[in-house]
């Protein structure tokens, strides 16, 4: 099992599943296991499918920052506070793994993801 697998499994466990596909508060985590580096986005509201957001984030980091990251955007929560708690748990978990953790501000997410995310 790679170092990435526990981090991604943890994210899925802490994110509360939503029953409707409506705008949810969420965050995404990008992991580069070989570099022991993680990127955790700010909390943002989105009704877009997680896979679509993940692909856009991966392409952005590959094209603009020269980084190969695997992103995971767990289903969000109807209230921002729950997503913030899950984001904090993900941050702490990745630090315990010894990963360098970088942030991606909401303004940058909006610029790269397009209007359908917000």
C-alpha atoms as a PDB file:
ATOM      1  CA  UNK A   1       0.000   0.000   0.000  1.00  0.00           C
ATOM      2  CA  UNK A   2       1.404   3.389  -0.953  1.00  0.00           C
ATOM      3  CA  UNK A   3       1.545   6.371   1.380  1.00  0.00           C
ATOM      4  CA  UNK A   4      -1.138   7.975  -0.786  1.00  0.00           C
ATOM      5  CA  UNK A   5      -3.714   5.266  -0.109  1.00  0.00           C
ATOM      6  CA  UNK A   6      -4.089   5.923   3.658  1.00  0.00           C
ATOM      7  CA  UNK A   7      -4.373   9.676   3.064  1.00  0.00           C
ATOM      8  CA  UNK A   8      -7.077   9.248   0.441  1.00  0.00           C
ATOM      9  CA  UNK A   9      -8.937   6.648   2.505  1.00  0.00           C
ATOM     10  CA  UNK A  10      -8.895   8.999   5.471  1.00  0.00           C
ATOM     11  CA  UNK A  11     -10.392  11.793   3.386  1.00  0.00           C
ATOM     12  CA  UNK A  12     -13.235   9.584   2.280  1.00  0.00           C
ATOM     13  CA  UNK A  13     -13.907   8.566   5.863  1.00  0.00           C
ATOM     14  CA  UNK A  14     -14.079  12.110   7.270  1.00  0.00           C
ATOM     15  CA  UNK A  15     -16.226  13.582   4.518  1.00  0.00           C
ATOM     16  CA  UNK A  16     -19.909  13.250   5.282  1.00  0.00           C
ATOM     17  CA  UNK A  17     -21.820  11.642   2.425  1.00  0.00           C
ATOM     18  CA  UNK A  18     -24.534  13.797   0.901  1.00  0.00           C
ATOM     19  CA  UNK A  19     -27.796  12.417  -0.401  1.00  0.00           C
ATOM     20  CA  UNK A  20     -28.563  15.094  -3.010  1.00  0.00           C
ATOM     21  CA  UNK A  21     -26.251  16.411  -5.697  1.00  0.00           C
ATOM     22  CA  UNK A  22     -26.598  20.061  -4.726  1.00  0.00           C
ATOM     23  CA  UNK A  23     -23.985  22.666  -3.928  1.00  0.00           C
ATOM     24  CA  UNK A  24     -21.914  21.436  -1.023  1.00  0.00           C
ATOM     25  CA  UNK A  25     -19.080  22.891   0.997  1.00  0.00           C
ATOM     26  CA  UNK A  26     -15.945  20.923   0.248  1.00  0.00           C
ATOM     27  CA  UNK A  27     -12.185  20.945  -0.102  1.00  0.00           C
ATOM     28  CA  UNK A  28      -9.712  18.916  -2.120  1.00  0.00           C
ATOM     29  CA  UNK A  29      -6.406  17.294  -1.283  1.00  0.00           C
ATOM     30  CA  UNK A  30      -3.626  16.717  -3.779  1.00  0.00           C
ATOM     31  CA  UNK A  31      -0.920  14.240  -2.861  1.00  0.00           C
ATOM     32  CA  UNK A  32       2.553  13.742  -4.334  1.00  0.00           C
ATOM     33  CA  UNK A  33       3.790  10.677  -2.383  1.00  0.00           C
ATOM     34  CA  UNK A  34       7.289  10.618  -3.861  1.00  0.00           C
ATOM     35  CA  UNK A  35       7.850  14.238  -2.807  1.00  0.00           C
ATOM     36  CA  UNK A  36       6.024  13.831   0.532  1.00  0.00           C
ATOM     37  CA  UNK A  37       3.975  16.858  -0.377  1.00  0.00           C
ATOM     38  CA  UNK A  38       0.287  17.651  -0.058  1.00  0.00           C
ATOM     39  CA  UNK A  39      -1.861  20.533  -1.282  1.00  0.00           C
ATOM     40  CA  UNK A  40      -5.103  21.204   0.591  1.00  0.00           C
ATOM     41  CA  UNK A  41      -7.514  23.706  -0.914  1.00  0.00           C
ATOM     42  CA  UNK A  42      -9.558  26.267   0.933  1.00  0.00           C
ATOM     43  CA  UNK A  43     -13.194  25.388   1.537  1.00  0.00           C
ATOM     44  CA  UNK A  44     -15.435  26.178  -1.436  1.00  0.00           C
ATOM     45  CA  UNK A  45     -19.056  25.575  -2.459  1.00  0.00           C
ATOM     46  CA  UNK A  46     -19.686  23.423  -5.517  1.00  0.00           C
ATOM     47  CA  UNK A  47     -22.357  21.332  -7.181  1.00  0.00           C
ATOM     48  CA  UNK A  48     -19.853  19.931  -9.707  1.00  0.00           C
ATOM     49  CA  UNK A  49     -18.903  16.265  -9.637  1.00  0.00           C
ATOM     50  CA  UNK A  50     -15.762  15.550  -7.650  1.00  0.00           C
ATOM     51  CA  UNK A  51     -14.027  13.845 -10.583  1.00  0.00           C
ATOM     52  CA  UNK A  52     -14.390  16.944 -12.750  1.00  0.00           C
ATOM     53  CA  UNK A  53     -12.853  19.181 -10.077  1.00  0.00           C
ATOM     54  CA  UNK A  54     -10.065  16.670  -9.416  1.00  0.00           C
ATOM     55  CA  UNK A  55      -9.106  16.522 -13.110  1.00  0.00           C
ATOM     56  CA  UNK A  56      -9.032  20.307 -13.391  1.00  0.00           C
ATOM     57  CA  UNK A  57      -6.831  20.648 -10.313  1.00  0.00           C
ATOM     58  CA  UNK A  58      -4.444  17.937 -11.541  1.00  0.00           C
ATOM     59  CA  UNK A  59      -4.160  19.584 -14.971  1.00  0.00           C
ATOM     60  CA  UNK A  60      -3.604  23.005 -13.399  1.00  0.00           C
ATOM     61  CA  UNK A  61      -0.752  21.831 -11.177  1.00  0.00           C
ATOM     62  CA  UNK A  62       0.848  19.849 -13.988  1.00  0.00           C
ATOM     63  CA  UNK A  63       0.664  22.731 -16.509  1.00  0.00           C
ATOM     64  CA  UNK A  64       1.293  25.767 -14.323  1.00  0.00           C
ATOM     65  CA  UNK A  65       3.369  24.518 -11.431  1.00  0.00           C
ATOM     66  CA  UNK A  66       5.091  21.472 -12.928  1.00  0.00           C
ATOM     67  CA  UNK A  67       3.788  19.225 -10.147  1.00  0.00           C
ATOM     68  CA  UNK A  68       2.171  15.827 -10.530  1.00  0.00           C
ATOM     69  CA  UNK A  69      -0.437  15.478  -7.806  1.00  0.00           C
ATOM     70  CA  UNK A  70      -3.317  13.076  -7.399  1.00  0.00           C
ATOM     71  CA  UNK A  71      -6.348  14.993  -6.159  1.00  0.00           C
ATOM     72  CA  UNK A  72      -9.232  13.702  -4.104  1.00  0.00           C
ATOM     73  CA  UNK A  73     -12.272  15.915  -3.525  1.00  0.00           C
ATOM     74  CA  UNK A  74     -14.518  14.096  -1.079  1.00  0.00           C
ATOM     75  CA  UNK A  75     -18.238  14.785  -1.066  1.00  0.00           C
ATOM     76  CA  UNK A  76     -18.940  17.886   0.903  1.00  0.00           C
ATOM     77  CA  UNK A  77     -21.377  18.967   3.550  1.00  0.00           C
ATOM     78  CA  UNK A  78     -24.406  21.251   3.434  1.00  0.00           C
ATOM     79  CA  UNK A  79     -22.856  23.518   6.061  1.00  0.00           C
ATOM     80  CA  UNK A  80     -19.414  25.097   5.852  1.00  0.00           C
ATOM     81  CA  UNK A  81     -18.491  24.239   9.441  1.00  0.00           C
ATOM     82  CA  UNK A  82     -18.543  20.463   8.812  1.00  0.00           C
ATOM     83  CA  UNK A  83     -16.332  20.830   5.741  1.00  0.00           C
ATOM     84  CA  UNK A  84     -13.942  23.004   7.727  1.00  0.00           C
ATOM     85  CA  UNK A  85     -13.685  20.336  10.442  1.00  0.00           C
ATOM     86  CA  UNK A  86     -12.949  17.654   7.826  1.00  0.00           C
ATOM     87  CA  UNK A  87     -10.343  19.908   6.193  1.00  0.00           C
ATOM     88  CA  UNK A  88      -8.649  20.458   9.556  1.00  0.00           C
ATOM     89  CA  UNK A  89      -8.579  16.701  10.192  1.00  0.00           C
ATOM     90  CA  UNK A  90      -7.027  16.114   6.748  1.00  0.00           C
ATOM     91  CA  UNK A  91      -4.397  18.764   7.447  1.00  0.00           C
ATOM     92  CA  UNK A  92      -3.455  17.174  10.767  1.00  0.00           C
ATOM     93  CA  UNK A  93      -3.413  13.683   9.270  1.00  0.00           C
ATOM     94  CA  UNK A  94      -1.062  14.675   6.439  1.00  0.00           C
ATOM     95  CA  UNK A  95       1.269  16.441   8.855  1.00  0.00           C
ATOM     96  CA  UNK A  96       1.395  13.289  11.000  1.00  0.00           C
ATOM     97  CA  UNK A  97       2.440  11.376   7.883  1.00  0.00           C
ATOM     98  CA  UNK A  98       5.335  13.813   7.561  1.00  0.00           C
ATOM     99  CA  UNK A  99       4.062  15.496   4.413  1.00  0.00           C
ATOM    100  CA  UNK A 100       4.754  19.154   3.665  1.00  0.00           C
ATOM    101  CA  UNK A 101       1.306  20.745   3.450  1.00  0.00           C
ATOM    102  CA  UNK A 102       0.625  23.672   1.128  1.00  0.00           C
ATOM    103  CA  UNK A 103      -2.598  25.582   0.680  1.00  0.00           C
ATOM    104  CA  UNK A 104      -4.559  26.652  -2.380  1.00  0.00           C
ATOM    105  CA  UNK A 105      -6.661  29.779  -1.749  1.00  0.00           C
ATOM    106  CA  UNK A 106     -10.325  29.926  -2.762  1.00  0.00           C
ATOM    107  CA  UNK A 107      -9.636  32.766  -5.239  1.00  0.00           C
ATOM    108  CA  UNK A 108      -7.190  30.554  -7.121  1.00  0.00           C
ATOM    109  CA  UNK A 109      -9.658  27.650  -7.123  1.00  0.00           C
ATOM    110  CA  UNK A 110     -12.309  29.938  -8.642  1.00  0.00           C
ATOM    111  CA  UNK A 111      -9.907  31.124 -11.343  1.00  0.00           C
ATOM    112  CA  UNK A 112      -8.860  27.641 -12.436  1.00  0.00           C
ATOM    113  CA  UNK A 113     -12.121  25.790 -11.971  1.00  0.00           C
ATOM    114  CA  UNK A 114     -14.496  28.144 -13.749  1.00  0.00           C
ATOM    115  CA  UNK A 115     -17.943  29.278 -12.763  1.00  0.00           C
ATOM    116  CA  UNK A 116     -19.501  25.814 -12.594  1.00  0.00           C
ATOM    117  CA  UNK A 117     -17.631  25.080  -9.347  1.00  0.00           C
ATOM    118  CA  UNK A 118     -19.070  28.071  -7.537  1.00  0.00           C
END
